[in-house]
Amino acid sequence: MSIVKRNNLFFPSLMNDFMGPDWFGGTEKWNTSVPAVNIKENTEGFELELAVPGMKKDDFTVEVDNDVLTISSEVKTENEENKDNYTRKEFSFTSFKRAFTLPETVDGSKIDAKYEDGILKLTLPKKQEALPKPKRLIEIG
């Protein structure tokens, strides 16, 4: 005798069909707290590009610890306006944190980062022993 799991799917399926669709056009997958990342590999190393417009280079923290690259940011803004009979105070807080495990081929001590035109670009060079070796002609004796 074996245990059989049963699901009475009529009612949950009906509720999922009604409640499941994203009625507001894309908000289900919309997550503004984590920037998009492109990772490219070339012969010299890797390049990471993060799309983070509207920030300054001082807003970012890039750290390497135990072969884990961590990119984070925290930005706080406050606005206060005092007029004759009212005070308006607005504030916002934006933060994100992304962590990447570095492959053994990356030299963590030579990572370089630049922020330009809303793109944070990190260059992760490969170790010398991981670089491709040039062709060598072997003479037959």
Protein backbone atom coordinates (compact mmCIF):
# COMPACT_ATOMS: atom_id res chain seq x y z
CA MET A 1 0.00 0.00 0.00
CA SER A 2 1.32 3.47 -0.85
CA ILE A 3 0.32 6.94 0.21
CA VAL A 4 -1.35 8.94 -2.52
CA LYS A 5 -1.64 12.70 -2.33
CA ARG A 6 -4.93 14.03 -3.65
CA ASN A 7 -5.76 17.54 -4.64
CA ASN A 8 -9.33 18.58 -5.14
CA LEU A 9 -8.50 21.17 -7.75
CA PHE A 10 -11.90 22.53 -8.76
CA PHE A 11 -12.25 25.29 -6.17
CA PRO A 12 -8.55 26.32 -5.90
CA SER A 13 -8.27 26.27 -9.69
CA LEU A 14 -11.33 28.49 -10.04
CA MET A 15 -9.93 30.96 -7.51
CA ASN A 16 -6.48 30.93 -9.17
CA ASP A 17 -8.04 31.56 -12.56
CA PHE A 18 -9.91 34.54 -11.18
CA MET A 19 -7.24 35.95 -8.85
CA GLY A 20 -4.12 34.82 -10.76
CA PRO A 21 -4.05 37.04 -13.85
CA ASP A 22 -2.21 40.30 -13.59
CA TRP A 23 -5.10 42.69 -14.20
CA PHE A 24 -2.89 45.80 -14.00
CA GLY A 25 -0.58 44.97 -16.91
CA GLY A 26 2.82 43.89 -15.69
CA THR A 27 2.85 44.76 -12.00
CA GLU A 28 3.15 41.10 -10.97
CA LYS A 29 6.73 40.89 -12.26
CA TRP A 30 7.58 44.53 -11.54
CA ASN A 31 10.31 44.82 -8.89
CA THR A 32 12.03 48.18 -8.68
CA SER A 33 14.17 47.35 -5.65
CA VAL A 34 16.69 45.19 -7.53
CA PRO A 35 18.49 46.58 -10.59
CA ALA A 36 18.88 44.55 -13.76
CA VAL A 37 22.34 43.00 -14.30
CA ASN A 38 24.12 41.96 -17.50
CA ILE A 39 27.08 39.59 -17.15
CA LYS A 40 29.49 39.20 -20.07
CA GLU A 41 32.54 36.97 -20.34
CA ASN A 42 35.45 37.74 -22.64
CA THR A 43 39.00 36.39 -22.91
CA GLU A 44 40.41 38.79 -20.28
CA GLY A 45 37.64 38.45 -17.69
CA PHE A 46 34.03 39.27 -16.89
CA GLU A 47 32.00 42.47 -17.07
CA LEU A 48 28.98 43.20 -14.88
CA GLU A 49 26.65 46.04 -15.84
CA LEU A 50 23.93 47.21 -13.45
CA ALA A 51 21.21 49.59 -14.61
CA VAL A 52 20.90 52.11 -11.76
CA PRO A 53 19.95 55.51 -13.18
CA GLY A 54 19.62 58.65 -11.09
CA MET A 55 22.31 57.82 -8.55
CA LYS A 56 25.81 59.05 -7.80
CA LYS A 57 28.95 56.96 -7.58
CA ASP A 58 29.17 57.70 -3.84
CA ASP A 59 25.81 55.95 -3.30
CA PHE A 60 27.30 52.49 -4.02
CA THR A 61 29.27 50.07 -1.87
CA VAL A 62 31.19 47.32 -3.65
CA GLU A 63 32.87 44.67 -1.48
CA VAL A 64 34.62 41.33 -1.98
CA ASP A 65 34.68 38.91 0.94
CA ASN A 66 35.42 35.16 0.72
CA ASP A 67 34.98 35.15 -3.08
CA VAL A 68 31.57 36.84 -2.85
CA LEU A 69 31.12 40.15 -4.65
CA THR A 70 28.47 42.31 -2.97
CA ILE A 71 27.05 45.46 -4.57
CA SER A 72 24.72 47.54 -2.43
CA SER A 73 23.26 51.00 -2.19
CA GLU A 74 21.18 53.04 0.25
CA VAL A 75 19.79 56.45 -0.66
CA LYS A 76 17.69 58.59 1.66
CA THR A 77 16.10 61.84 0.54
CA GLU A 78 14.08 64.33 2.56
CA ASN A 79 12.15 67.36 1.38
CA GLU A 80 10.53 69.87 3.70
CA GLU A 81 8.57 72.90 2.61
CA ASN A 82 7.24 75.46 5.11
CA LYS A 83 4.66 77.97 3.92
CA ASP A 84 2.31 80.34 5.75
CA ASN A 85 -0.20 77.86 7.11
CA TYR A 86 1.16 74.41 6.26
CA THR A 87 4.25 72.23 6.30
CA ARG A 88 4.87 69.55 3.72
CA LYS A 89 7.49 66.93 4.51
CA GLU A 90 8.35 64.16 2.06
CA PHE A 91 10.98 61.47 2.33
CA SER A 92 11.99 58.39 0.42
CA PHE A 93 14.34 55.50 1.01
CA THR A 94 15.78 53.35 -1.76
CA SER A 95 18.10 50.41 -1.27
CA PHE A 96 19.26 47.24 -2.96
CA LYS A 97 21.83 44.53 -2.43
CA ARG A 98 23.13 42.02 -4.99
CA ALA A 99 25.66 39.29 -4.26
CA PHE A 100 27.60 37.19 -6.77
CA THR A 101 29.86 34.21 -6.07
CA LEU A 102 33.09 34.73 -7.95
CA PRO A 103 34.49 31.83 -9.97
CA GLU A 104 37.97 30.58 -9.05
CA THR A 105 39.35 32.08 -12.27
CA VAL A 106 38.65 35.71 -11.20
CA ASP A 107 41.36 37.79 -9.51
CA GLY A 108 39.35 39.51 -6.76
CA SER A 109 42.13 41.97 -5.91
CA LYS A 110 42.00 43.65 -9.33
CA ILE A 111 38.26 44.36 -9.67
CA ASP A 112 37.52 47.81 -11.10
CA ALA A 113 34.22 49.75 -10.98
CA LYS A 114 32.98 52.80 -12.92
CA TYR A 115 29.64 54.61 -12.85
CA GLU A 116 28.65 56.47 -16.00
CA ASP A 117 25.31 57.47 -17.55
CA GLY A 118 23.23 55.40 -15.11
CA ILE A 119 25.27 52.21 -15.62
CA LEU A 120 27.52 50.78 -12.91
CA LYS A 121 30.15 48.75 -14.76
CA LEU A 122 32.46 46.34 -12.95
CA THR A 123 35.44 44.70 -14.63
CA LEU A 124 36.52 41.38 -13.11
CA PRO A 125 39.85 40.27 -14.65
CA LYS A 126 40.81 36.62 -14.82
CA LYS A 127 43.90 35.28 -13.08
CA GLN A 128 47.00 34.86 -15.26
CA GLU A 129 46.83 31.07 -15.10
CA ALA A 130 43.18 31.17 -16.28
CA LEU A 131 43.91 33.26 -19.39
CA PRO A 132 44.01 31.36 -22.68
CA LYS A 133 47.48 30.33 -23.70
CA PRO A 134 48.77 31.24 -27.18
CA LYS A 135 49.40 28.53 -29.73
CA ARG A 136 52.78 26.85 -29.56
CA LEU A 137 54.47 25.13 -32.44
CA ILE A 138 55.96 21.77 -31.50
CA GLU A 139 58.75 20.52 -33.70
CA ILE A 140 58.81 16.86 -34.56
CA GLY A 141 62.20 15.30 -33.96
